[in-house]
Amino acid sequence: MSSDQLDTARADYQAGRSAFERGEYRKSVQYLESANALVTPTSKLGGEVQIWLVTAYEAMGQRSDALALCREVSRHPDLQTRKQGRRLLYILEAPRLTTRPEWLTQIPDLTALGDRNASDRRGATTTAAPLKIPEKPAFQLEDTVDPSKVNTQDNRFIWVALGAVGLVLGGLVWFM
């Protein structure tokens, strides 16, 4: 493999990963298949490309292609790639859970809405409404505490606590 092919494969691999992360699975499959054709399948990079291609196939709904490629990846010479392939294969071969329709929320397809047509955005505004900050009530002298009603008598707690600490420390010194 020449360095030009390797650079092209890495560029396609990165483009496929970024397309997958953006949710563009069709583009991701195209880029990853192109990178997979350029790399040696038994290399570490080849294994990474194949792992991403498995997940892209699954995201596209091509389950049979994903399973077939994942079975190949689970026999890859690289230990880490082989482990990851086995984990993916375990997940792909797991039985599908059935869900009730009332458990799901249907999200409408908003791709047909135009970005520029204002009638499509009913209720949307272009400027934010000013924030209303509630006013604080003015400081009133009636809310303050009357110092003549505060209990300032010493309750001797501090002396009891200091005595207890002194006894504990004295006991520790005595037993050492």
Protein backbone atom coordinates (compact mmCIF):
# COMPACT_ATOMS: atom_id res chain seq x y z
CA MET A 1 0.00 0.00 0.00
CA SER A 2 1.41 3.36 -0.99
CA SER A 3 1.44 6.39 1.28
CA ASP A 4 -1.07 8.15 -1.01
CA GLN A 5 -3.53 5.28 -0.63
CA LEU A 6 -2.97 5.26 3.13
CA ASP A 7 -3.60 9.02 3.35
CA THR A 8 -6.73 8.68 1.23
CA ALA A 9 -7.93 5.80 3.39
CA ARG A 10 -7.36 7.76 6.59
CA ALA A 11 -9.16 10.80 5.14
CA ASP A 12 -12.12 8.63 4.09
CA TYR A 13 -12.11 6.94 7.49
CA GLN A 14 -12.24 10.30 9.31
CA ALA A 15 -14.93 11.59 6.94
CA GLY A 16 -16.96 8.42 7.53
CA ARG A 17 -16.66 8.75 11.31
CA SER A 18 -17.67 12.40 11.30
CA ALA A 19 -20.60 11.70 8.95
CA PHE A 20 -21.73 8.90 11.28
CA GLU A 21 -21.53 11.19 14.31
CA ARG A 22 -23.65 13.79 12.48
CA GLY A 23 -26.26 11.12 11.70
CA GLU A 24 -25.52 10.98 7.97
CA TYR A 25 -25.33 7.19 7.81
CA ARG A 26 -25.54 6.84 4.02
CA LYS A 27 -22.52 9.12 3.54
CA SER A 28 -20.76 7.35 6.38
CA VAL A 29 -21.19 3.97 4.70
CA GLN A 30 -19.87 5.37 1.40
CA TYR A 31 -16.75 6.85 3.00
CA LEU A 32 -16.08 3.82 5.18
CA GLU A 33 -16.52 1.37 2.29
CA SER A 34 -14.07 3.46 0.26
CA ALA A 35 -11.57 3.42 3.15
CA ASN A 36 -12.10 -0.32 3.66
CA ALA A 37 -11.25 -0.98 0.01
CA LEU A 38 -7.99 0.97 0.34
CA VAL A 39 -6.61 -0.51 3.58
CA THR A 40 -5.30 -3.96 4.37
CA PRO A 41 -8.16 -5.72 6.21
CA THR A 42 -5.81 -7.38 8.72
CA SER A 43 -4.12 -4.11 9.77
CA LYS A 44 -5.10 -2.18 12.88
CA LEU A 45 -6.52 0.66 10.77
CA GLY A 46 -8.39 -1.89 8.65
CA GLY A 47 -9.98 -3.29 11.81
CA GLU A 48 -11.04 0.16 13.02
CA VAL A 49 -12.57 0.94 9.64
CA GLN A 50 -14.46 -2.35 9.68
CA ILE A 51 -15.78 -1.76 13.23
CA TRP A 52 -17.13 1.65 12.20
CA LEU A 53 -18.53 0.14 9.02
CA VAL A 54 -20.42 -2.46 11.07
CA THR A 55 -22.04 0.26 13.17
CA ALA A 56 -22.84 2.32 10.06
CA TYR A 57 -24.46 -0.72 8.40
CA GLU A 58 -26.54 -1.30 11.51
CA ALA A 59 -27.59 2.35 11.63
CA MET A 60 -28.63 2.16 7.98
CA GLY A 61 -30.73 -0.92 8.68
CA GLN A 62 -28.47 -3.28 6.73
CA ARG A 63 -28.38 -5.86 9.50
CA SER A 64 -27.25 -8.81 7.37
CA ASP A 65 -24.24 -6.86 6.04
CA ALA A 66 -23.41 -5.72 9.57
CA LEU A 67 -23.56 -9.28 10.93
CA ALA A 68 -21.44 -10.72 8.12
CA LEU A 69 -18.73 -8.07 8.51
CA CYS A 70 -18.85 -8.32 12.29
CA ARG A 71 -18.23 -12.08 12.11
CA GLU A 72 -15.13 -11.35 10.03
CA VAL A 73 -13.96 -8.68 12.49
CA SER A 74 -14.38 -11.07 15.42
CA ARG A 75 -11.58 -13.19 13.82
CA HIS A 76 -9.27 -10.20 13.25
CA PRO A 77 -5.54 -10.70 14.06
CA ASP A 78 -5.41 -7.61 16.33
CA LEU A 79 -6.50 -8.54 19.87
CA GLN A 80 -8.33 -5.28 20.67
CA THR A 81 -10.17 -5.28 17.36
CA ARG A 82 -11.11 -8.93 17.82
CA LYS A 83 -12.51 -8.21 21.32
CA GLN A 84 -14.48 -5.24 20.07
CA GLY A 85 -15.81 -7.29 17.16
CA ARG A 86 -16.97 -10.04 19.51
CA ARG A 87 -18.73 -7.51 21.74
CA LEU A 88 -20.48 -5.99 18.73
CA LEU A 89 -21.44 -9.42 17.44
CA TYR A 90 -22.92 -10.30 20.83
CA ILE A 91 -24.99 -7.11 20.74
CA LEU A 92 -26.11 -7.60 17.13
CA GLU A 93 -27.13 -11.21 17.69
CA ALA A 94 -29.10 -10.42 20.85
CA PRO A 95 -32.84 -10.89 20.52
CA ARG A 96 -34.83 -7.78 19.76
CA LEU A 97 -37.23 -6.64 22.43
CA THR A 98 -40.79 -5.97 21.42
CA THR A 99 -42.25 -2.60 22.27
CA ARG A 100 -45.82 -1.48 22.46
CA PRO A 101 -46.86 1.47 20.33
CA GLU A 102 -48.09 3.37 23.40
CA TRP A 103 -44.53 3.26 24.82
CA LEU A 104 -43.15 5.20 21.86
CA THR A 105 -43.41 8.85 20.97
CA GLN A 106 -43.69 9.64 17.30
CA ILE A 107 -41.55 12.59 16.22
CA PRO A 108 -42.81 14.31 13.09
CA ASP A 109 -40.46 14.68 10.13
CA LEU A 110 -39.51 18.35 9.95
CA THR A 111 -37.14 18.12 6.99
CA ALA A 112 -39.80 19.35 4.57
CA LEU A 113 -40.19 22.64 6.43
CA GLY A 114 -38.44 25.56 4.82
CA ASP A 115 -36.02 27.61 6.84
CA ARG A 116 -36.87 30.89 5.16
CA ASN A 117 -40.67 30.74 5.13
CA ALA A 118 -42.01 32.63 8.15
CA SER A 119 -45.45 30.99 7.92
CA ASP A 120 -43.84 27.63 8.78
CA ARG A 121 -42.69 29.00 12.12
CA ARG A 122 -45.97 29.98 13.71
CA GLY A 123 -45.41 31.53 17.07
CA ALA A 124 -41.67 31.88 16.60
CA THR A 125 -40.19 35.28 17.19
CA THR A 126 -36.94 36.71 15.98
CA THR A 127 -36.31 38.80 19.08
CA ALA A 128 -36.38 37.69 22.68
CA ALA A 129 -38.88 39.22 25.07
CA PRO A 130 -37.30 41.35 27.78
CA LEU A 131 -36.88 39.67 31.11
CA LYS A 132 -39.05 40.94 33.92
CA ILE A 133 -37.04 41.11 37.11
CA PRO A 134 -39.18 41.18 40.22
CA GLU A 135 -38.51 44.18 42.40
CA LYS A 136 -37.15 43.58 45.87
CA PRO A 137 -39.07 45.17 48.69
CA ALA A 138 -37.34 48.06 50.37
CA PHE A 139 -35.45 47.36 53.59
CA GLN A 140 -37.65 47.94 56.60
CA LEU A 141 -36.46 48.57 60.13
CA GLU A 142 -39.25 46.40 61.54
CA ASP A 143 -37.50 43.32 60.09
CA THR A 144 -34.40 43.78 62.26
CA VAL A 145 -33.92 41.97 65.57
CA ASP A 146 -34.22 43.92 68.80
CA PRO A 147 -30.90 43.51 70.67
CA SER A 148 -32.64 43.77 74.07
CA LYS A 149 -34.57 40.55 73.31
CA VAL A 150 -31.50 38.46 72.36
CA ASN A 151 -30.37 35.90 74.98
CA THR A 152 -26.73 36.75 75.68
CA GLN A 153 -26.36 34.67 78.83
CA ASP A 154 -23.38 32.30 78.81
CA ASN A 155 -24.55 28.71 78.77
CA ARG A 156 -21.07 27.32 79.62
CA PHE A 157 -21.14 24.85 76.73
CA ILE A 158 -17.73 25.91 75.48
CA TRP A 159 -16.19 25.16 78.90
CA VAL A 160 -17.78 21.72 79.02
CA ALA A 161 -16.55 20.92 75.49
CA LEU A 162 -13.01 22.13 76.29
CA GLY A 163 -13.00 20.05 79.48
CA ALA A 164 -14.07 16.93 77.58
CA VAL A 165 -11.35 17.45 74.97
CA GLY A 166 -8.80 17.94 77.74
CA LEU A 167 -9.86 14.71 79.46
CA VAL A 168 -9.62 12.75 76.21
CA LEU A 169 -6.18 14.13 75.42
CA GLY A 170 -5.01 13.54 78.98
CA GLY A 171 -6.24 9.95 78.80
CA LEU A 172 -4.38 9.40 75.53
CA VAL A 173 -1.17 10.79 77.01
CA TRP A 174 -1.59 8.67 80.16
CA PHE A 175 -2.00 5.40 78.21
CA MET A 176 0.98 6.01 75.95
